[in-house]
């Protein structure tokens, strides 16, 4: 399964004739290709997969998606703890 992650665009620039940008993923900044989202600007939120911004989304949608991903991570941690305790028995 492929998963696109929302991030906030903090910088937009051109590198070797490619539209690129810096995108912040909760404190971790990555260089991202912005060619598929011509109208993106600084402070927009984008869905990024494999280093490519695929679409622009609202801040509300980005925060909702990040909340769901966080809940999924917490659930996975709980499942790991349950599995570990069952194996100890």
PDB file of N, CA and C in Angstrom:
ATOM      1  N   UNK A   1       0.843  -1.177   0.000  1.00  0.00           N
ATOM      2  CA  UNK A   1       0.000   0.000   0.000  1.00  0.00           C
ATOM      3  C   UNK A   1       0.884   1.236   0.000  1.00  0.00           C
ATOM      4  N   UNK A   2       0.555   2.205  -0.802  1.00  0.00           N
ATOM      5  CA  UNK A   2       1.278   3.472  -0.857  1.00  0.00           C
ATOM      6  C   UNK A   2       0.532   4.503  -0.033  1.00  0.00           C
ATOM      7  N   UNK A   3       1.284   5.348   0.645  1.00  0.00           N
ATOM      8  CA  UNK A   3       0.669   6.326   1.521  1.00  0.00           C
ATOM      9  C   UNK A   3       1.258   7.697   1.237  1.00  0.00           C
ATOM     10  N   UNK A   4       0.406   8.653   0.918  1.00  0.00           N
ATOM     11  CA  UNK A   4       0.824  10.040   0.754  1.00  0.00           C
ATOM     12  C   UNK A   4       0.676  10.746   2.094  1.00  0.00           C
ATOM     13  N   UNK A   5       1.659  11.543   2.457  1.00  0.00           N
ATOM     14  CA  UNK A   5       1.679  12.227   3.749  1.00  0.00           C
ATOM     15  C   UNK A   5       1.533  13.729   3.524  1.00  0.00           C
ATOM     16  N   UNK A   6       0.678  14.385   4.330  1.00  0.00           N
ATOM     17  CA  UNK A   6       0.553  15.827   4.193  1.00  0.00           C
ATOM     18  C   UNK A   6       1.732  16.561   4.827  1.00  0.00           C
ATOM     19  N   UNK A   7       2.136  17.642   4.195  1.00  0.00           N
ATOM     20  CA  UNK A   7       3.184  18.506   4.713  1.00  0.00           C
ATOM     21  C   UNK A   7       2.932  19.930   4.286  1.00  0.00           C
ATOM     22  N   UNK A   8       3.587  20.857   4.970  1.00  0.00           N
ATOM     23  CA  UNK A   8       3.407  22.285   4.697  1.00  0.00           C
ATOM     24  C   UNK A   8       4.586  22.808   3.888  1.00  0.00           C
ATOM     25  N   UNK A   9       4.292  23.470   2.780  1.00  0.00           N
ATOM     26  CA  UNK A   9       5.314  24.043   1.912  1.00  0.00           C
ATOM     27  C   UNK A   9       5.913  25.273   2.597  1.00  0.00           C
ATOM     28  N   UNK A  10       7.242  25.248   2.773  1.00  0.00           N
ATOM     29  CA  UNK A  10       7.921  26.367   3.425  1.00  0.00           C
ATOM     30  C   UNK A  10       8.784  27.172   2.464  1.00  0.00           C
ATOM     31  N   UNK A  11       9.034  26.609   1.295  1.00  0.00           N
ATOM     32  CA  UNK A  11       9.880  27.285   0.305  1.00  0.00           C
ATOM     33  C   UNK A  11       9.555  26.726  -1.073  1.00  0.00           C
ATOM     34  N   UNK A  12       9.564  27.598  -2.083  1.00  0.00           N
ATOM     35  CA  UNK A  12       9.356  27.184  -3.471  1.00  0.00           C
ATOM     36  C   UNK A  12      10.498  27.774  -4.292  1.00  0.00           C
ATOM     37  N   UNK A  13      11.119  26.938  -5.132  1.00  0.00           N
ATOM     38  CA  UNK A  13      12.235  27.395  -5.947  1.00  0.00           C
ATOM     39  C   UNK A  13      12.363  26.518  -7.189  1.00  0.00           C
ATOM     40  N   UNK A  14      13.248  26.907  -8.091  1.00  0.00           N
ATOM     41  CA  UNK A  14      13.519  26.133  -9.301  1.00  0.00           C
ATOM     42  C   UNK A  14      14.935  25.583  -9.211  1.00  0.00           C
ATOM     43  N   UNK A  15      15.083  24.308  -9.532  1.00  0.00           N
ATOM     44  CA  UNK A  15      16.384  23.642  -9.530  1.00  0.00           C
ATOM     45  C   UNK A  15      16.482  22.817 -10.803  1.00  0.00           C
ATOM     46  N   UNK A  16      17.451  23.141 -11.657  1.00  0.00           N
ATOM     47  CA  UNK A  16      17.600  22.454 -12.953  1.00  0.00           C
ATOM     48  C   UNK A  16      16.298  22.453 -13.752  1.00  0.00           C
ATOM     49  N   UNK A  17      15.647  23.605 -13.776  1.00  0.00           N
ATOM     50  CA  UNK A  17      14.400  23.821 -14.516  1.00  0.00           C
ATOM     51  C   UNK A  17      13.218  23.015 -13.969  1.00  0.00           C
ATOM     52  N   UNK A  18      13.355  22.478 -12.765  1.00  0.00           N
ATOM     53  CA  UNK A  18      12.257  21.741 -12.100  1.00  0.00           C
ATOM     54  C   UNK A  18      11.743  22.588 -10.948  1.00  0.00           C
ATOM     55  N   UNK A  19      10.435  22.662 -10.823  1.00  0.00           N
ATOM     56  CA  UNK A  19       9.821  23.380  -9.697  1.00  0.00           C
ATOM     57  C   UNK A  19       9.940  22.491  -8.464  1.00  0.00           C
ATOM     58  N   UNK A  20      10.659  22.983  -7.469  1.00  0.00           N
ATOM     59  CA  UNK A  20      10.938  22.225  -6.263  1.00  0.00           C
ATOM     60  C   UNK A  20      10.525  23.041  -5.046  1.00  0.00           C
ATOM     61  N   UNK A  21      10.554  22.411  -3.894  1.00  0.00           N
ATOM     62  CA  UNK A  21      10.251  23.128  -2.667  1.00  0.00           C
ATOM     63  C   UNK A  21      10.708  22.369  -1.448  1.00  0.00           C
ATOM     64  N   UNK A  22      10.707  23.070  -0.338  1.00  0.00           N
ATOM     65  CA  UNK A  22      10.939  22.442   0.964  1.00  0.00           C
ATOM     66  C   UNK A  22       9.566  22.256   1.597  1.00  0.00           C
ATOM     67  N   UNK A  23       9.338  21.062   2.128  1.00  0.00           N
ATOM     68  CA  UNK A  23       8.062  20.751   2.763  1.00  0.00           C
ATOM     69  C   UNK A  23       8.351  20.268   4.179  1.00  0.00           C
ATOM     70  N   UNK A  24       7.612  20.819   5.134  1.00  0.00           N
ATOM     71  CA  UNK A  24       7.773  20.498   6.552  1.00  0.00           C
ATOM     72  C   UNK A  24       6.771  19.422   6.946  1.00  0.00           C
ATOM     73  N   UNK A  25       7.304  18.311   7.447  1.00  0.00           N
ATOM     74  CA  UNK A  25       6.480  17.211   7.940  1.00  0.00           C
ATOM     75  C   UNK A  25       6.637  17.153   9.457  1.00  0.00           C
ATOM     76  N   UNK A  26       5.986  18.071  10.157  1.00  0.00           N
ATOM     77  CA  UNK A  26       6.039  18.072  11.617  1.00  0.00           C
ATOM     78  C   UNK A  26       7.431  18.291  12.177  1.00  0.00           C
ATOM     79  N   UNK A  27       8.181  19.193  11.582  1.00  0.00           N
ATOM     80  CA  UNK A  27       9.517  19.499  12.067  1.00  0.00           C
ATOM     81  C   UNK A  27      10.635  18.893  11.247  1.00  0.00           C
ATOM     82  N   UNK A  28      10.307  18.002  10.340  1.00  0.00           N
ATOM     83  CA  UNK A  28      11.295  17.399   9.448  1.00  0.00           C
ATOM     84  C   UNK A  28      11.061  17.954   8.047  1.00  0.00           C
ATOM     85  N   UNK A  29      12.052  18.688   7.533  1.00  0.00           N
ATOM     86  CA  UNK A  29      11.916  19.303   6.206  1.00  0.00           C
ATOM     87  C   UNK A  29      12.562  18.410   5.153  1.00  0.00           C
ATOM     88  N   UNK A  30      11.878  18.279   4.036  1.00  0.00           N
ATOM     89  CA  UNK A  30      12.387  17.480   2.915  1.00  0.00           C
ATOM     90  C   UNK A  30      12.222  18.269   1.623  1.00  0.00           C
ATOM     91  N   UNK A  31      13.135  17.998   0.675  1.00  0.00           N
ATOM     92  CA  UNK A  31      13.007  18.576  -0.655  1.00  0.00           C
ATOM     93  C   UNK A  31      11.983  17.752  -1.431  1.00  0.00           C
ATOM     94  N   UNK A  32      11.072  18.440  -2.105  1.00  0.00           N
ATOM     95  CA  UNK A  32       9.962  17.778  -2.797  1.00  0.00           C
ATOM     96  C   UNK A  32       9.806  18.393  -4.185  1.00  0.00           C
ATOM     97  N   UNK A  33       9.524  17.555  -5.169  1.00  0.00           N
ATOM     98  CA  UNK A  33       9.219  18.031  -6.516  1.00  0.00           C
ATOM     99  C   UNK A  33       7.783  18.568  -6.538  1.00  0.00           C
ATOM    100  N   UNK A  34       7.624  19.784  -7.037  1.00  0.00           N
ATOM    101  CA  UNK A  34       6.305  20.437  -7.072  1.00  0.00           C
ATOM    102  C   UNK A  34       5.735  20.546  -8.483  1.00  0.00           C
ATOM    103  N   UNK A  35       6.315  19.834  -9.427  1.00  0.00           N
ATOM    104  CA  UNK A  35       5.897  19.936 -10.831  1.00  0.00           C
ATOM    105  C   UNK A  35       4.416  19.609 -11.045  1.00  0.00           C
ATOM    106  N   UNK A  36       3.849  18.713 -10.277  1.00  0.00           N
ATOM    107  CA  UNK A  36       2.449  18.292 -10.488  1.00  0.00           C
ATOM    108  C   UNK A  36       1.435  19.247  -9.865  1.00  0.00           C
ATOM    109  N   UNK A  37       1.907  20.224  -9.100  1.00  0.00           N
ATOM    110  CA  UNK A  37       1.002  21.175  -8.436  1.00  0.00           C
ATOM    111  C   UNK A  37       1.464  22.600  -8.748  1.00  0.00           C
ATOM    112  N   UNK A  38       1.204  23.018  -9.982  1.00  0.00           N
ATOM    113  CA  UNK A  38       1.680  24.308 -10.482  1.00  0.00           C
ATOM    114  C   UNK A  38       1.301  25.491  -9.594  1.00  0.00           C
ATOM    115  N   UNK A  39       0.111  25.477  -9.044  1.00  0.00           N
ATOM    116  CA  UNK A  39      -0.406  26.634  -8.320  1.00  0.00           C
ATOM    117  C   UNK A  39      -0.003  26.666  -6.845  1.00  0.00           C
ATOM    118  N   UNK A  40       0.805  25.713  -6.381  1.00  0.00           N
ATOM    119  CA  UNK A  40       1.182  25.659  -4.974  1.00  0.00           C
ATOM    120  C   UNK A  40       2.067  26.853  -4.609  1.00  0.00           C
ATOM    121  N   UNK A  41       1.892  27.322  -3.369  1.00  0.00           N
ATOM    122  CA  UNK A  41       2.695  28.442  -2.872  1.00  0.00           C
ATOM    123  C   UNK A  41       3.084  28.171  -1.420  1.00  0.00           C
ATOM    124  N   UNK A  42       3.995  28.980  -0.909  1.00  0.00           N
ATOM    125  CA  UNK A  42       4.437  28.849   0.472  1.00  0.00           C
ATOM    126  C   UNK A  42       3.224  28.927   1.396  1.00  0.00           C
ATOM    127  N   UNK A  43       3.218  28.065   2.418  1.00  0.00           N
ATOM    128  CA  UNK A  43       2.154  27.921   3.435  1.00  0.00           C
ATOM    129  C   UNK A  43       0.995  27.037   2.993  1.00  0.00           C
ATOM    130  N   UNK A  44       1.004  26.556   1.745  1.00  0.00           N
ATOM    131  CA  UNK A  44       0.001  25.570   1.324  1.00  0.00           C
ATOM    132  C   UNK A  44       0.379  24.206   1.894  1.00  0.00           C
ATOM    133  N   UNK A  45      -0.616  23.344   2.029  1.00  0.00           N
ATOM    134  CA  UNK A  45      -0.387  21.952   2.415  1.00  0.00           C
ATOM    135  C   UNK A  45      -0.516  21.080   1.172  1.00  0.00           C
ATOM    136  N   UNK A  46       0.370  20.099   1.066  1.00  0.00           N
ATOM    137  CA  UNK A  46       0.362  19.192  -0.077  1.00  0.00           C
ATOM    138  C   UNK A  46       0.443  17.753   0.421  1.00  0.00           C
ATOM    139  N   UNK A  47      -0.077  16.845  -0.406  1.00  0.00           N
ATOM    140  CA  UNK A  47       0.102  15.409  -0.173  1.00  0.00           C
ATOM    141  C   UNK A  47       1.356  15.001  -0.940  1.00  0.00           C
ATOM    142  N   UNK A  48       2.294  14.358  -0.234  1.00  0.00           N
ATOM    143  CA  UNK A  48       3.568  13.973  -0.837  1.00  0.00           C
ATOM    144  C   UNK A  48       3.727  12.462  -0.787  1.00  0.00           C
ATOM    145  N   UNK A  49       4.124  11.904  -1.912  1.00  0.00           N
ATOM    146  CA  UNK A  49       4.455  10.476  -1.984  1.00  0.00           C
ATOM    147  C   UNK A  49       5.740  10.335  -2.781  1.00  0.00           C
ATOM    148  N   UNK A  50       6.703   9.631  -2.213  1.00  0.00           N
ATOM    149  CA  UNK A  50       7.978   9.326  -2.884  1.00  0.00           C
ATOM    150  C   UNK A  50       8.683  10.579  -3.403  1.00  0.00           C
ATOM    151  N   UNK A  51       8.584  11.684  -2.637  1.00  0.00           N
ATOM    152  CA  UNK A  51       9.286  12.905  -3.007  1.00  0.00           C
ATOM    153  C   UNK A  51       8.575  13.801  -3.997  1.00  0.00           C
ATOM    154  N   UNK A  52       7.323  13.467  -4.323  1.00  0.00           N
ATOM    155  CA  UNK A  52       6.548  14.256  -5.276  1.00  0.00           C
ATOM    156  C   UNK A  52       5.261  14.744  -4.622  1.00  0.00           C
ATOM    157  N   UNK A  53       4.994  16.046  -4.706  1.00  0.00           N
ATOM    158  CA  UNK A  53       3.722  16.595  -4.253  1.00  0.00           C
ATOM    159  C   UNK A  53       2.672  16.220  -5.289  1.00  0.00           C
ATOM    160  N   UNK A  54       1.596  15.588  -4.839  1.00  0.00           N
ATOM    161  CA  UNK A  54       0.573  15.101  -5.763  1.00  0.00           C
ATOM    162  C   UNK A  54      -0.648  16.004  -5.833  1.00  0.00           C
ATOM    163  N   UNK A  55      -0.971  16.664  -4.715  1.00  0.00           N
ATOM    164  CA  UNK A  55      -2.131  17.549  -4.701  1.00  0.00           C
ATOM    165  C   UNK A  55      -2.034  18.518  -3.535  1.00  0.00           C
ATOM    166  N   UNK A  56      -2.792  19.594  -3.645  1.00  0.00           N
ATOM    167  CA  UNK A  56      -2.887  20.599  -2.581  1.00  0.00           C
ATOM    168  C   UNK A  56      -4.125  20.263  -1.761  1.00  0.00           C
ATOM    169  N   UNK A  57      -4.042  20.459  -0.445  1.00  0.00           N
ATOM    170  CA  UNK A  57      -5.220  20.269   0.384  1.00  0.00           C
ATOM    171  C   UNK A  57      -5.297  21.380   1.409  1.00  0.00           C
ATOM    172  N   UNK A  58      -6.467  21.537   2.006  1.00  0.00           N
ATOM    173  CA  UNK A  58      -6.664  22.587   2.988  1.00  0.00           C
ATOM    174  C   UNK A  58      -5.930  22.246   4.279  1.00  0.00           C
ATOM    175  N   UNK A  59      -5.665  23.259   5.078  1.00  0.00           N
ATOM    176  CA  UNK A  59      -5.019  23.028   6.373  1.00  0.00           C
ATOM    177  C   UNK A  59      -5.883  22.118   7.242  1.00  0.00           C
ATOM    178  N   UNK A  60      -7.191  22.314   7.189  1.00  0.00           N
ATOM    179  CA  UNK A  60      -8.114  21.481   7.974  1.00  0.00           C
ATOM    180  C   UNK A  60      -7.997  20.013   7.575  1.00  0.00           C
ATOM    181  N   UNK A  61      -7.994  19.739   6.280  1.00  0.00           N
ATOM    182  CA  UNK A  61      -7.863  18.354   5.805  1.00  0.00           C
ATOM    183  C   UNK A  61      -6.499  17.769   6.172  1.00  0.00           C
ATOM    184  N   UNK A  62      -5.448  18.599   6.084  1.00  0.00           N
ATOM    185  CA  UNK A  62      -4.103  18.129   6.448  1.00  0.00           C
ATOM    186  C   UNK A  62      -4.055  17.751   7.923  1.00  0.00           C
ATOM    187  N   UNK A  63      -4.623  18.602   8.792  1.00  0.00           N
ATOM    188  CA  UNK A  63      -4.605  18.320  10.229  1.00  0.00           C
ATOM    189  C   UNK A  63      -5.431  17.072  10.564  1.00  0.00           C
ATOM    190  N   UNK A  64      -6.552  16.895   9.890  1.00  0.00           N
ATOM    191  CA  UNK A  64      -7.385  15.712  10.110  1.00  0.00           C
ATOM    192  C   UNK A  64      -6.633  14.444   9.695  1.00  0.00           C
ATOM    193  N   UNK A  65      -5.969  14.504   8.549  1.00  0.00           N
ATOM    194  CA  UNK A  65      -5.197  13.354   8.071  1.00  0.00           C
ATOM    195  C   UNK A  65      -4.062  13.033   9.027  1.00  0.00           C
ATOM    196  N   UNK A  66      -3.340  14.048   9.490  1.00  0.00           N
ATOM    197  CA  UNK A  66      -2.244  13.829  10.425  1.00  0.00           C
ATOM    198  C   UNK A  66      -2.741  13.248  11.741  1.00  0.00           C
ATOM    199  N   UNK A  67      -3.907  13.685  12.182  1.00  0.00           N
ATOM    200  CA  UNK A  67      -4.501  13.140  13.404  1.00  0.00           C
ATOM    201  C   UNK A  67      -4.823  11.654  13.240  1.00  0.00           C
ATOM    202  N   UNK A  68      -5.386  11.306  12.113  1.00  0.00           N
ATOM    203  CA  UNK A  68      -5.719   9.893  11.839  1.00  0.00           C
ATOM    204  C   UNK A  68      -4.446   9.052  11.773  1.00  0.00           C
ATOM    205  N   UNK A  69      -3.408   9.557  11.109  1.00  0.00           N
ATOM    206  CA  UNK A  69      -2.143   8.824  11.026  1.00  0.00           C
ATOM    207  C   UNK A  69      -1.531   8.637  12.409  1.00  0.00           C
ATOM    208  N   UNK A  70      -1.646   9.651  13.255  1.00  0.00           N
ATOM    209  CA  UNK A  70      -1.139   9.553  14.627  1.00  0.00           C
ATOM    210  C   UNK A  70      -1.912   8.493  15.410  1.00  0.00           C
ATOM    211  N   UNK A  71      -3.226   8.467  15.259  1.00  0.00           N
ATOM    212  CA  UNK A  71      -4.043   7.454  15.928  1.00  0.00           C
ATOM    213  C   UNK A  71      -3.672   6.053  15.445  1.00  0.00           C
ATOM    214  N   UNK A  72      -3.420   5.915  14.138  1.00  0.00           N
ATOM    215  CA  UNK A  72      -3.026   4.614  13.598  1.00  0.00           C
ATOM    216  C   UNK A  72      -1.693   4.165  14.193  1.00  0.00           C
ATOM    217  N   UNK A  73      -0.773   5.100  14.356  1.00  0.00           N
ATOM    218  CA  UNK A  73       0.532   4.792  14.933  1.00  0.00           C
ATOM    219  C   UNK A  73       0.381   4.359  16.383  1.00  0.00           C
ATOM    220  N   UNK A  74      -0.465   5.058  17.135  1.00  0.00           N
ATOM    221  CA  UNK A  74      -0.689   4.694  18.538  1.00  0.00           C
ATOM    222  C   UNK A  74      -1.336   3.318  18.630  1.00  0.00           C
ATOM    223  N   UNK A  75      -2.276   3.014  17.744  1.00  0.00           N
ATOM    224  CA  UNK A  75      -2.930   1.712  17.730  1.00  0.00           C
ATOM    225  C   UNK A  75      -1.919   0.616  17.417  1.00  0.00           C
ATOM    226  N   UNK A  76      -1.042   0.864  16.463  1.00  0.00           N
ATOM    227  CA  UNK A  76      -0.012  -0.121  16.119  1.00  0.00           C
ATOM    228  C   UNK A  76       0.905  -0.372  17.312  1.00  0.00           C
ATOM    229  N   UNK A  77       1.257   0.696  18.042  1.00  0.00           N
ATOM    230  CA  UNK A  77       2.091   0.538  19.237  1.00  0.00           C
ATOM    231  C   UNK A  77       1.383  -0.318  20.286  1.00  0.00           C
ATOM    232  N   UNK A  78       0.089  -0.072  20.479  1.00  0.00           N
ATOM    233  CA  UNK A  78      -0.687  -0.857  21.447  1.00  0.00           C
ATOM    234  C   UNK A  78      -0.763  -2.325  21.032  1.00  0.00           C
ATOM    235  N   UNK A  79      -0.949  -2.567  19.746  1.00  0.00           N
ATOM    236  CA  UNK A  79      -1.012  -3.941  19.258  1.00  0.00           C
ATOM    237  C   UNK A  79       0.328  -4.651  19.475  1.00  0.00           C
ATOM    238  N   UNK A  80       1.432  -3.939  19.278  1.00  0.00           N
ATOM    239  CA  UNK A  80       2.760  -4.511  19.516  1.00  0.00           C
ATOM    240  C   UNK A  80       2.933  -4.872  20.987  1.00  0.00           C
ATOM    241  N   UNK A  81       2.459  -3.995  21.876  1.00  0.00           N
ATOM    242  CA  UNK A  81       2.553  -4.263  23.314  1.00  0.00           C
ATOM    243  C   UNK A  81       1.721  -5.476  23.706  1.00  0.00           C
ATOM    244  N   UNK A  82       0.535  -5.603  23.148  1.00  0.00           N
ATOM    245  CA  UNK A  82      -0.329  -6.758  23.437  1.00  0.00           C
ATOM    246  C   UNK A  82       0.338  -8.036  22.942  1.00  0.00           C
ATOM    247  N   UNK A  83       0.869  -8.000  21.744  1.00  0.00           N
ATOM    248  CA  UNK A  83       1.541  -9.184  21.181  1.00  0.00           C
ATOM    249  C   UNK A  83       2.733  -9.584  22.040  1.00  0.00           C
ATOM    250  N   UNK A  84       3.507  -8.601  22.505  1.00  0.00           N
ATOM    251  CA  UNK A  84       4.668  -8.893  23.351  1.00  0.00           C
ATOM    252  C   UNK A  84       4.257  -9.498  24.668  1.00  0.00           C
ATOM    253  N   UNK A  85       3.152  -8.993  25.261  1.00  0.00           N
ATOM    254  CA  UNK A  85       2.721  -9.541  26.557  1.00  0.00           C
ATOM    255  C   UNK A  85       2.159 -10.955  26.406  1.00  0.00           C
ATOM    256  N   UNK A  86       1.534 -11.266  25.282  1.00  0.00           N
ATOM    257  CA  UNK A  86       1.007 -12.598  25.041  1.00  0.00           C
ATOM    258  C   UNK A  86       2.168 -13.576  24.865  1.00  0.00           C
ATOM    259  N   UNK A  87       3.203 -13.158  24.192  1.00  0.00           N
ATOM    260  CA  UNK A  87       4.364 -14.039  23.978  1.00  0.00           C
ATOM    261  C   UNK A  87       5.104 -14.328  25.281  1.00  0.00           C
ATOM    262  N   UNK A  88       5.043 -13.401  26.244  1.00  0.00           N
ATOM    263  CA  UNK A  88       5.695 -13.600  27.539  1.00  0.00           C
ATOM    264  C   UNK A  88       4.972 -14.629  28.389  1.00  0.00           C
ATOM    265  N   UNK A  89       3.698 -14.822  28.158  1.00  0.00           N
ATOM    266  CA  UNK A  89       2.902 -15.738  28.993  1.00  0.00           C
ATOM    267  C   UNK A  89       3.147 -17.174  28.709  1.00  0.00           C
TER     268      UNK A  89
END
